[in-house]
Amino acid sequence: MNLLKPILAITFSIFLCIGVACAQDRQVEWHPELTDDWTPVTDSVITTGAFLEPPSDAIVLFDGTDLSHWQAAPGYFPSMEGVPGYLEIIQQEHGPAPWKVEDGVMTVVPGSGNIMTKQGFGDMHLHVEWKTPSVIEGDGQGRGNSGVFLMGLYEIQVLDSWQNPTYSNGQAGSIYKQKAPMVNASRPPGEWQSYDIFFEAPYFDDDGNLIKAAYVTVLHNGVLIHHRERLQGPTVYIGLSHYEPHPRKLPIGLQDHGDYVSFRNIWVREL
């Protein structure tokens, strides 16, 4: 029994030395700088500007002065299967945007029709600020209704959803008729609200087969309401959506749904 203690002590010392040696080997083999990535994030520094100002690398689509980046758009941005030749129609020129610009704000002229950008976009970060009328008229879908159409096909709903019950996948911030927002982040009518939309466009192969669906992440007034949500296809009002092949870049659309919805400070960063 007396011999056991020296043997155990020697054995422990051997394992301790091995452990220290291994640790020393690891310290020699691995250094913190081996995992440092010094690749520049961008070729130039991007400045974010003051409140309400777009970042320096953004494409400003509306700065409050005019609608030079916009044009009239056909119909109500129906699904591609709803109107024959819709893709050809949306890529044509349709004349000046008919909405009103006053005091740095653009406002829907009810009945004048939708508008869309002259430039097409695919993967993007889109920032839009909007407000519904301060005087409440109507309810449900008939109260402060408009929409932001990504590529003219995929709608993020604009609606006065302050104490205004409607179907959940049609309320403000919803991926219209596909997915309700995680929370209702709406402000009262007449107050400015914001969307930051991070959109991943779908991709099709040369035969028109879908190889990557569209995904969207949305912040409503700074609150996350969609986190990389997979889109089922273009927005449809009736029935289930499905994908049809289309170009990688198409215009952004804003909807005239018959209400005096206003917009300001619209910009996009291509991703």
C-alpha atoms as a PDB file:
ATOM      1  CA  MET A   1       0.000   0.000   0.000  1.00  0.00           C
ATOM      2  CA  ASN A   2       2.915   2.282   0.709  1.00  0.00           C
ATOM      3  CA  LEU A   3       4.233   1.649  -2.817  1.00  0.00           C
ATOM      4  CA  LEU A   4       0.924   2.697  -4.354  1.00  0.00           C
ATOM      5  CA  LYS A   5       1.204   6.366  -3.407  1.00  0.00           C
ATOM      6  CA  PRO A   6       4.553   6.935  -5.192  1.00  0.00           C
ATOM      7  CA  ILE A   7       3.230   5.129  -8.267  1.00  0.00           C
ATOM      8  CA  LEU A   8       0.103   7.275  -8.380  1.00  0.00           C
ATOM      9  CA  ALA A   9       2.159  10.428  -7.894  1.00  0.00           C
ATOM     10  CA  ILE A  10       4.481   9.485 -10.747  1.00  0.00           C
ATOM     11  CA  THR A  11       1.529   8.615 -13.012  1.00  0.00           C
ATOM     12  CA  PHE A  12      -0.178  11.945 -12.263  1.00  0.00           C
ATOM     13  CA  SER A  13       3.032  13.820 -13.004  1.00  0.00           C
ATOM     14  CA  ILE A  14       3.380  12.080 -16.359  1.00  0.00           C
ATOM     15  CA  PHE A  15      -0.189  12.997 -17.381  1.00  0.00           C
ATOM     16  CA  LEU A  16       0.308  16.551 -16.176  1.00  0.00           C
ATOM     17  CA  CYS A  17       3.449  16.926 -18.276  1.00  0.00           C
ATOM     18  CA  ILE A  18       1.694  15.500 -21.318  1.00  0.00           C
ATOM     19  CA  GLY A  19      -1.209  17.926 -20.819  1.00  0.00           C
ATOM     20  CA  VAL A  20       1.107  20.903 -20.483  1.00  0.00           C
ATOM     21  CA  ALA A  21       3.082  19.835 -23.539  1.00  0.00           C
ATOM     22  CA  CYS A  22      -0.109  19.471 -25.572  1.00  0.00           C
ATOM     23  CA  ALA A  23      -1.306  22.894 -24.468  1.00  0.00           C
ATOM     24  CA  GLN A  24       2.066  24.369 -25.369  1.00  0.00           C
ATOM     25  CA  ASP A  25       1.888  22.673 -28.776  1.00  0.00           C
ATOM     26  CA  ARG A  26      -1.561  24.175 -29.347  1.00  0.00           C
ATOM     27  CA  GLN A  27      -0.316  27.614 -28.375  1.00  0.00           C
ATOM     28  CA  VAL A  28       2.538  27.262 -30.818  1.00  0.00           C
ATOM     29  CA  GLU A  29       0.331  25.873 -33.581  1.00  0.00           C
ATOM     30  CA  TRP A  30      -2.627  28.267 -33.260  1.00  0.00           C
ATOM     31  CA  HIS A  31      -2.410  32.042 -33.026  1.00  0.00           C
ATOM     32  CA  PRO A  32      -5.288  34.538 -32.846  1.00  0.00           C
ATOM     33  CA  GLU A  33      -4.122  36.308 -35.975  1.00  0.00           C
ATOM     34  CA  LEU A  34      -4.555  33.131 -38.020  1.00  0.00           C
ATOM     35  CA  THR A  35      -8.330  33.707 -37.980  1.00  0.00           C
ATOM     36  CA  ASP A  36      -8.197  37.495 -38.449  1.00  0.00           C
ATOM     37  CA  ASP A  37      -9.846  38.523 -41.717  1.00  0.00           C
ATOM     38  CA  TRP A  38      -8.451  41.830 -42.961  1.00  0.00           C
ATOM     39  CA  THR A  39     -10.261  41.819 -46.303  1.00  0.00           C
ATOM     40  CA  PRO A  40     -11.846  45.277 -46.777  1.00  0.00           C
ATOM     41  CA  VAL A  41     -15.628  45.225 -46.426  1.00  0.00           C
ATOM     42  CA  THR A  42     -16.044  47.624 -49.351  1.00  0.00           C
ATOM     43  CA  ASP A  43     -13.798  49.567 -51.658  1.00  0.00           C
ATOM     44  CA  SER A  44     -14.846  52.783 -49.940  1.00  0.00           C
ATOM     45  CA  VAL A  45     -16.278  53.841 -46.617  1.00  0.00           C
ATOM     46  CA  ILE A  46     -20.076  54.139 -46.550  1.00  0.00           C
ATOM     47  CA  THR A  47     -21.522  56.965 -44.505  1.00  0.00           C
ATOM     48  CA  THR A  48     -24.995  56.683 -43.037  1.00  0.00           C
ATOM     49  CA  GLY A  49     -25.856  60.386 -42.813  1.00  0.00           C
ATOM     50  CA  ALA A  50     -28.170  62.067 -40.354  1.00  0.00           C
ATOM     51  CA  PHE A  51     -31.703  60.995 -39.511  1.00  0.00           C
ATOM     52  CA  LEU A  52     -33.885  60.572 -42.627  1.00  0.00           C
ATOM     53  CA  GLU A  53     -30.855  60.748 -44.932  1.00  0.00           C
ATOM     54  CA  PRO A  54     -30.022  57.695 -47.093  1.00  0.00           C
ATOM     55  CA  PRO A  55     -26.606  56.003 -46.897  1.00  0.00           C
ATOM     56  CA  SER A  56     -24.043  57.302 -49.348  1.00  0.00           C
ATOM     57  CA  ASP A  57     -24.176  54.237 -51.643  1.00  0.00           C
ATOM     58  CA  ALA A  58     -27.979  54.236 -51.975  1.00  0.00           C
ATOM     59  CA  ILE A  59     -29.956  54.902 -55.140  1.00  0.00           C
ATOM     60  CA  VAL A  60     -32.430  57.584 -54.103  1.00  0.00           C
ATOM     61  CA  LEU A  61     -35.813  56.912 -55.685  1.00  0.00           C
ATOM     62  CA  PHE A  62     -37.684  59.772 -54.031  1.00  0.00           C
ATOM     63  CA  ASP A  63     -36.074  62.677 -52.172  1.00  0.00           C
ATOM     64  CA  GLY A  64     -39.158  64.842 -51.939  1.00  0.00           C
ATOM     65  CA  THR A  65     -38.576  66.936 -55.029  1.00  0.00           C
ATOM     66  CA  ASP A  66     -40.092  65.106 -58.009  1.00  0.00           C
ATOM     67  CA  LEU A  67     -41.127  61.767 -59.497  1.00  0.00           C
ATOM     68  CA  SER A  68     -38.375  61.605 -62.107  1.00  0.00           C
ATOM     69  CA  HIS A  69     -37.468  58.033 -61.070  1.00  0.00           C
ATOM     70  CA  TRP A  70     -41.072  56.857 -61.400  1.00  0.00           C
ATOM     71  CA  GLN A  71     -43.610  56.244 -64.131  1.00  0.00           C
ATOM     72  CA  ALA A  72     -47.195  55.148 -64.447  1.00  0.00           C
ATOM     73  CA  ALA A  73     -47.769  51.415 -64.023  1.00  0.00           C
ATOM     74  CA  PRO A  74     -50.396  49.080 -65.439  1.00  0.00           C
ATOM     75  CA  GLY A  75     -53.335  47.699 -63.478  1.00  0.00           C
ATOM     76  CA  TYR A  76     -53.122  46.608 -59.861  1.00  0.00           C
ATOM     77  CA  PHE A  77     -49.907  44.596 -60.184  1.00  0.00           C
ATOM     78  CA  PRO A  78     -51.772  41.323 -60.729  1.00  0.00           C
ATOM     79  CA  SER A  79     -50.052  37.989 -60.840  1.00  0.00           C
ATOM     80  CA  MET A  80     -48.389  37.081 -64.109  1.00  0.00           C
ATOM     81  CA  GLU A  81     -51.042  34.484 -64.830  1.00  0.00           C
ATOM     82  CA  GLY A  82     -53.795  37.065 -64.220  1.00  0.00           C
ATOM     83  CA  VAL A  83     -52.917  39.172 -67.265  1.00  0.00           C
ATOM     84  CA  PRO A  84     -51.520  37.651 -70.465  1.00  0.00           C
ATOM     85  CA  GLY A  85     -48.209  39.228 -71.374  1.00  0.00           C
ATOM     86  CA  TYR A  86     -47.881  40.901 -67.956  1.00  0.00           C
ATOM     87  CA  LEU A  87     -44.085  40.696 -67.942  1.00  0.00           C
ATOM     88  CA  GLU A  88     -43.924  42.473 -71.273  1.00  0.00           C
ATOM     89  CA  ILE A  89     -46.383  45.109 -70.024  1.00  0.00           C
ATOM     90  CA  ILE A  90     -44.485  45.894 -66.822  1.00  0.00           C
ATOM     91  CA  GLN A  91     -41.214  46.333 -68.728  1.00  0.00           C
ATOM     92  CA  GLN A  92     -42.671  48.922 -71.099  1.00  0.00           C
ATOM     93  CA  GLU A  93     -42.801  52.688 -70.596  1.00  0.00           C
ATOM     94  CA  HIS A  94     -46.164  53.998 -69.440  1.00  0.00           C
ATOM     95  CA  GLY A  95     -45.812  57.762 -69.161  1.00  0.00           C
ATOM     96  CA  PRO A  96     -45.263  60.097 -66.184  1.00  0.00           C
ATOM     97  CA  ALA A  97     -46.201  59.044 -62.656  1.00  0.00           C
ATOM     98  CA  PRO A  98     -49.580  60.672 -61.911  1.00  0.00           C
ATOM     99  CA  TRP A  99     -49.288  61.092 -58.132  1.00  0.00           C
ATOM    100  CA  LYS A 100     -49.062  64.393 -56.239  1.00  0.00           C
ATOM    101  CA  VAL A 101     -45.813  65.802 -54.789  1.00  0.00           C
ATOM    102  CA  GLU A 102     -46.105  68.516 -52.154  1.00  0.00           C
ATOM    103  CA  ASP A 103     -43.935  69.597 -49.193  1.00  0.00           C
ATOM    104  CA  GLY A 104     -41.447  66.807 -49.812  1.00  0.00           C
ATOM    105  CA  VAL A 105     -44.092  64.081 -49.845  1.00  0.00           C
ATOM    106  CA  MET A 106     -45.700  62.042 -52.614  1.00  0.00           C
ATOM    107  CA  THR A 107     -49.342  61.083 -52.166  1.00  0.00           C
ATOM    108  CA  VAL A 108     -51.575  58.702 -54.055  1.00  0.00           C
ATOM    109  CA  VAL A 109     -54.132  60.394 -56.283  1.00  0.00           C
ATOM    110  CA  PRO A 110     -56.962  57.876 -55.920  1.00  0.00           C
ATOM    111  CA  GLY A 111     -58.042  56.472 -59.233  1.00  0.00           C
ATOM    112  CA  SER A 112     -54.947  57.669 -61.103  1.00  0.00           C
ATOM    113  CA  GLY A 113     -53.299  54.247 -61.054  1.00  0.00           C
ATOM    114  CA  ASN A 114     -50.171  52.591 -59.710  1.00  0.00           C
ATOM    115  CA  ILE A 115     -46.629  53.825 -60.197  1.00  0.00           C
ATOM    116  CA  MET A 116     -43.364  51.951 -60.648  1.00  0.00           C
ATOM    117  CA  THR A 117     -39.678  52.754 -60.927  1.00  0.00           C
ATOM    118  CA  LYS A 118     -38.089  53.259 -64.298  1.00  0.00           C
ATOM    119  CA  GLN A 119     -35.157  51.127 -63.167  1.00  0.00           C
ATOM    120  CA  GLY A 120     -35.359  47.424 -62.405  1.00  0.00           C
ATOM    121  CA  PHE A 121     -34.010  45.815 -59.239  1.00  0.00           C
ATOM    122  CA  GLY A 122     -33.376  42.305 -57.934  1.00  0.00           C
ATOM    123  CA  ASP A 123     -31.565  41.585 -54.661  1.00  0.00           C
ATOM    124  CA  MET A 124     -31.891  44.744 -52.598  1.00  0.00           C
ATOM    125  CA  HIS A 125     -32.336  46.634 -49.357  1.00  0.00           C
ATOM    126  CA  LEU A 126     -35.332  48.890 -49.877  1.00  0.00           C
ATOM    127  CA  HIS A 127     -36.225  51.673 -47.459  1.00  0.00           C
ATOM    128  CA  VAL A 128     -39.706  53.218 -47.669  1.00  0.00           C
ATOM    129  CA  GLU A 129     -41.444  55.653 -45.337  1.00  0.00           C
ATOM    130  CA  TRP A 130     -45.211  55.933 -45.489  1.00  0.00           C
ATOM    131  CA  LYS A 131     -48.261  57.162 -43.623  1.00  0.00           C
ATOM    132  CA  THR A 132     -51.992  56.655 -43.856  1.00  0.00           C
ATOM    133  CA  PRO A 133     -54.512  59.524 -43.576  1.00  0.00           C
ATOM    134  CA  SER A 134     -54.973  60.968 -40.089  1.00  0.00           C
ATOM    135  CA  VAL A 135     -58.730  61.082 -40.615  1.00  0.00           C
ATOM    136  CA  ILE A 136     -60.028  57.528 -40.345  1.00  0.00           C
ATOM    137  CA  GLU A 137     -62.402  56.476 -43.075  1.00  0.00           C
ATOM    138  CA  GLY A 138     -63.514  52.907 -43.680  1.00  0.00           C
ATOM    139  CA  ASP A 139     -62.290  49.788 -41.959  1.00  0.00           C
ATOM    140  CA  GLY A 140     -60.460  46.558 -42.677  1.00  0.00           C
ATOM    141  CA  GLN A 141     -58.898  46.582 -46.139  1.00  0.00           C
ATOM    142  CA  GLY A 142     -60.688  49.857 -46.939  1.00  0.00           C
ATOM    143  CA  ARG A 143     -58.585  51.936 -44.539  1.00  0.00           C
ATOM    144  CA  GLY A 144     -55.271  53.405 -45.692  1.00  0.00           C
ATOM    145  CA  ASN A 145     -54.588  50.640 -48.191  1.00  0.00           C
ATOM    146  CA  SER A 146     -51.578  50.563 -50.533  1.00  0.00           C
ATOM    147  CA  GLY A 147     -48.673  48.230 -51.160  1.00  0.00           C
ATOM    148  CA  VAL A 148     -44.981  47.985 -51.943  1.00  0.00           C
ATOM    149  CA  PHE A 149     -44.438  45.594 -54.851  1.00  0.00           C
ATOM    150  CA  LEU A 150     -40.951  44.100 -55.077  1.00  0.00           C
ATOM    151  CA  MET A 151     -40.160  43.468 -58.747  1.00  0.00           C
ATOM    152  CA  GLY A 152     -43.767  44.494 -59.395  1.00  0.00           C
ATOM    153  CA  LEU A 153     -44.784  40.994 -58.275  1.00  0.00           C
ATOM    154  CA  TYR A 154     -44.251  40.425 -54.559  1.00  0.00           C
ATOM    155  CA  GLU A 155     -46.303  42.658 -52.241  1.00  0.00           C
ATOM    156  CA  ILE A 156     -45.544  43.910 -48.754  1.00  0.00           C
ATOM    157  CA  GLN A 157     -48.866  45.314 -47.601  1.00  0.00           C
ATOM    158  CA  VAL A 158     -49.356  48.943 -46.578  1.00  0.00           C
ATOM    159  CA  LEU A 159     -52.453  49.464 -44.434  1.00  0.00           C
ATOM    160  CA  ASP A 160     -53.727  51.380 -41.432  1.00  0.00           C
ATOM    161  CA  SER A 161     -53.523  48.484 -38.969  1.00  0.00           C
ATOM    162  CA  TRP A 162     -53.858  50.577 -35.808  1.00  0.00           C
ATOM    163  CA  GLN A 163     -56.838  49.035 -34.001  1.00  0.00           C
ATOM    164  CA  ASN A 164     -58.210  47.927 -37.353  1.00  0.00           C
ATOM    165  CA  PRO A 165     -58.957  44.184 -37.497  1.00  0.00           C
ATOM    166  CA  THR A 166     -58.612  42.407 -40.840  1.00  0.00           C
ATOM    167  CA  TYR A 167     -57.277  39.073 -42.019  1.00  0.00           C
ATOM    168  CA  SER A 168     -53.766  38.676 -40.597  1.00  0.00           C
ATOM    169  CA  ASN A 169     -51.995  37.989 -43.879  1.00  0.00           C
ATOM    170  CA  GLY A 170     -53.487  41.206 -45.226  1.00  0.00           C
ATOM    171  CA  GLN A 171     -52.582  43.587 -42.407  1.00  0.00           C
ATOM    172  CA  ALA A 172     -49.731  46.106 -42.518  1.00  0.00           C
ATOM    173  CA  GLY A 173     -46.368  44.421 -43.013  1.00  0.00           C
ATOM    174  CA  SER A 174     -47.802  41.157 -44.258  1.00  0.00           C
ATOM    175  CA  ILE A 175     -46.460  39.348 -47.279  1.00  0.00           C
ATOM    176  CA  TYR A 176     -49.864  39.818 -48.811  1.00  0.00           C
ATOM    177  CA  LYS A 177     -52.031  36.689 -48.776  1.00  0.00           C
ATOM    178  CA  GLN A 178     -48.983  34.576 -47.883  1.00  0.00           C
ATOM    179  CA  LYS A 179     -47.602  35.372 -44.430  1.00  0.00           C
ATOM    180  CA  ALA A 180     -48.742  37.541 -41.523  1.00  0.00           C
ATOM    181  CA  PRO A 181     -46.116  39.646 -39.719  1.00  0.00           C
ATOM    182  CA  MET A 182     -44.742  38.201 -36.476  1.00  0.00           C
ATOM    183  CA  VAL A 183     -46.057  41.244 -34.580  1.00  0.00           C
ATOM    184  CA  ASN A 184     -48.195  44.297 -35.310  1.00  0.00           C
ATOM    185  CA  ALA A 185     -45.735  47.227 -35.163  1.00  0.00           C
ATOM    186  CA  SER A 186     -48.185  49.785 -36.566  1.00  0.00           C
ATOM    187  CA  ARG A 187     -48.346  53.394 -35.443  1.00  0.00           C
ATOM    188  CA  PRO A 188     -51.564  55.441 -35.252  1.00  0.00           C
ATOM    189  CA  PRO A 189     -53.006  56.897 -38.467  1.00  0.00           C
ATOM    190  CA  GLY A 190     -51.300  60.060 -39.657  1.00  0.00           C
ATOM    191  CA  GLU A 191     -47.904  59.112 -38.180  1.00  0.00           C
ATOM    192  CA  TRP A 192     -44.925  58.299 -40.376  1.00  0.00           C
ATOM    193  CA  GLN A 193     -43.895  54.647 -40.499  1.00  0.00           C
ATOM    194  CA  SER A 194     -40.985  52.853 -42.152  1.00  0.00           C
ATOM    195  CA  TYR A 195     -40.207  49.605 -43.895  1.00  0.00           C
ATOM    196  CA  ASP A 196     -36.717  48.249 -44.367  1.00  0.00           C
ATOM    197  CA  ILE A 197     -37.070  45.346 -46.756  1.00  0.00           C
ATOM    198  CA  PHE A 198     -34.207  42.952 -47.491  1.00  0.00           C
ATOM    199  CA  PHE A 199     -35.175  41.039 -50.605  1.00  0.00           C
ATOM    200  CA  GLU A 200     -33.505  38.061 -52.255  1.00  0.00           C
ATOM    201  CA  ALA A 201     -34.861  37.702 -55.773  1.00  0.00           C
ATOM    202  CA  PRO A 202     -35.730  34.262 -57.179  1.00  0.00           C
ATOM    203  CA  TYR A 203     -33.493  32.673 -59.787  1.00  0.00           C
ATOM    204  CA  PHE A 204     -34.447  30.472 -62.712  1.00  0.00           C
ATOM    205  CA  ASP A 205     -32.311  28.350 -65.014  1.00  0.00           C
ATOM    206  CA  ASP A 206     -32.263  28.743 -68.781  1.00  0.00           C
ATOM    207  CA  ASP A 207     -35.228  26.374 -69.083  1.00  0.00           C
ATOM    208  CA  GLY A 208     -37.342  28.421 -66.669  1.00  0.00           C
ATOM    209  CA  ASN A 209     -37.024  26.045 -63.731  1.00  0.00           C
ATOM    210  CA  LEU A 210     -36.861  27.604 -60.279  1.00  0.00           C
ATOM    211  CA  ILE A 211     -33.422  27.065 -58.751  1.00  0.00           C
ATOM    212  CA  LYS A 212     -33.804  29.487 -55.828  1.00  0.00           C
ATOM    213  CA  ALA A 213     -37.000  30.905 -54.340  1.00  0.00           C
ATOM    214  CA  ALA A 214     -37.408  34.513 -53.249  1.00  0.00           C
ATOM    215  CA  TYR A 215     -36.811  35.378 -49.587  1.00  0.00           C
ATOM    216  CA  VAL A 216     -37.626  38.514 -47.650  1.00  0.00           C
ATOM    217  CA  THR A 217     -36.722  40.028 -44.294  1.00  0.00           C
ATOM    218  CA  VAL A 218     -38.719  43.048 -43.143  1.00  0.00           C
ATOM    219  CA  LEU A 219     -38.355  45.624 -40.372  1.00  0.00           C
ATOM    220  CA  HIS A 220     -41.479  47.659 -39.620  1.00  0.00           C
ATOM    221  CA  ASN A 221     -40.630  50.791 -37.657  1.00  0.00           C
ATOM    222  CA  GLY A 222     -37.370  49.091 -36.701  1.00  0.00           C
ATOM    223  CA  VAL A 223     -39.112  45.920 -35.459  1.00  0.00           C
ATOM    224  CA  LEU A 224     -38.372  42.588 -37.129  1.00  0.00           C
ATOM    225  CA  ILE A 225     -41.635  41.225 -38.552  1.00  0.00           C
ATOM    226  CA  HIS A 226     -40.310  38.733 -41.153  1.00  0.00           C
ATOM    227  CA  HIS A 227     -37.015  36.862 -40.921  1.00  0.00           C
ATOM    228  CA  ARG A 228     -35.865  35.438 -44.268  1.00  0.00           C
ATOM    229  CA  GLU A 229     -39.334  34.256 -45.110  1.00  0.00           C
ATOM    230  CA  ARG A 230     -39.628  32.094 -48.225  1.00  0.00           C
ATOM    231  CA  LEU A 231     -42.121  33.455 -50.742  1.00  0.00           C
ATOM    232  CA  GLN A 232     -44.507  31.009 -52.359  1.00  0.00           C
ATOM    233  CA  GLY A 233     -44.464  32.995 -55.595  1.00  0.00           C
ATOM    234  CA  PRO A 234     -45.892  36.290 -56.885  1.00  0.00           C
ATOM    235  CA  THR A 235     -48.791  37.896 -55.029  1.00  0.00           C
ATOM    236  CA  VAL A 236     -52.243  36.651 -56.013  1.00  0.00           C
ATOM    237  CA  TYR A 237     -55.547  37.851 -54.590  1.00  0.00           C
ATOM    238  CA  ILE A 238     -57.464  34.642 -55.223  1.00  0.00           C
ATOM    239  CA  GLY A 239     -56.005  31.133 -55.028  1.00  0.00           C
ATOM    240  CA  LEU A 240     -52.514  29.852 -54.336  1.00  0.00           C
ATOM    241  CA  SER A 241     -49.352  31.345 -55.752  1.00  0.00           C
ATOM    242  CA  HIS A 242     -46.651  29.609 -57.737  1.00  0.00           C
ATOM    243  CA  TYR A 243     -43.524  30.731 -59.532  1.00  0.00           C
ATOM    244  CA  GLU A 244     -43.267  31.563 -63.200  1.00  0.00           C
ATOM    245  CA  PRO A 245     -39.886  32.459 -64.725  1.00  0.00           C
ATOM    246  CA  HIS A 246     -39.089  36.145 -64.997  1.00  0.00           C
ATOM    247  CA  PRO A 247     -36.037  38.415 -65.391  1.00  0.00           C
ATOM    248  CA  ARG A 248     -33.598  38.950 -62.530  1.00  0.00           C
ATOM    249  CA  LYS A 249     -34.449  42.636 -62.299  1.00  0.00           C
ATOM    250  CA  LEU A 250     -37.860  44.306 -62.494  1.00  0.00           C
ATOM    251  CA  PRO A 251     -39.320  47.647 -61.298  1.00  0.00           C
ATOM    252  CA  ILE A 252     -40.447  48.410 -57.749  1.00  0.00           C
ATOM    253  CA  GLY A 253     -44.123  49.338 -57.604  1.00  0.00           C
ATOM    254  CA  LEU A 254     -46.383  51.376 -55.312  1.00  0.00           C
ATOM    255  CA  GLN A 255     -50.107  50.783 -55.353  1.00  0.00           C
ATOM    256  CA  ASP A 256     -53.084  53.068 -55.809  1.00  0.00           C
ATOM    257  CA  HIS A 257     -55.802  51.287 -53.828  1.00  0.00           C
ATOM    258  CA  GLY A 258     -58.073  54.310 -53.630  1.00  0.00           C
ATOM    259  CA  ASP A 259     -56.722  55.831 -50.384  1.00  0.00           C
ATOM    260  CA  TYR A 260     -54.642  58.960 -49.765  1.00  0.00           C
ATOM    261  CA  VAL A 261     -51.501  57.143 -48.612  1.00  0.00           C
ATOM    262  CA  SER A 262     -48.296  59.219 -48.608  1.00  0.00           C
ATOM    263  CA  PHE A 263     -44.640  58.259 -49.117  1.00  0.00           C
ATOM    264  CA  ARG A 264     -41.260  59.894 -48.561  1.00  0.00           C
ATOM    265  CA  ASN A 265     -37.541  59.077 -48.305  1.00  0.00           C
ATOM    266  CA  ILE A 266     -37.466  56.070 -50.630  1.00  0.00           C
ATOM    267  CA  TRP A 267     -34.084  54.580 -51.426  1.00  0.00           C
ATOM    268  CA  VAL A 268     -32.593  51.262 -52.393  1.00  0.00           C
ATOM    269  CA  ARG A 269     -29.212  49.570 -52.039  1.00  0.00           C
ATOM    270  CA  GLU A 270     -28.542  46.804 -54.552  1.00  0.00           C
ATOM    271  CA  LEU A 271     -27.158  43.705 -52.863  1.00  0.00           C
END
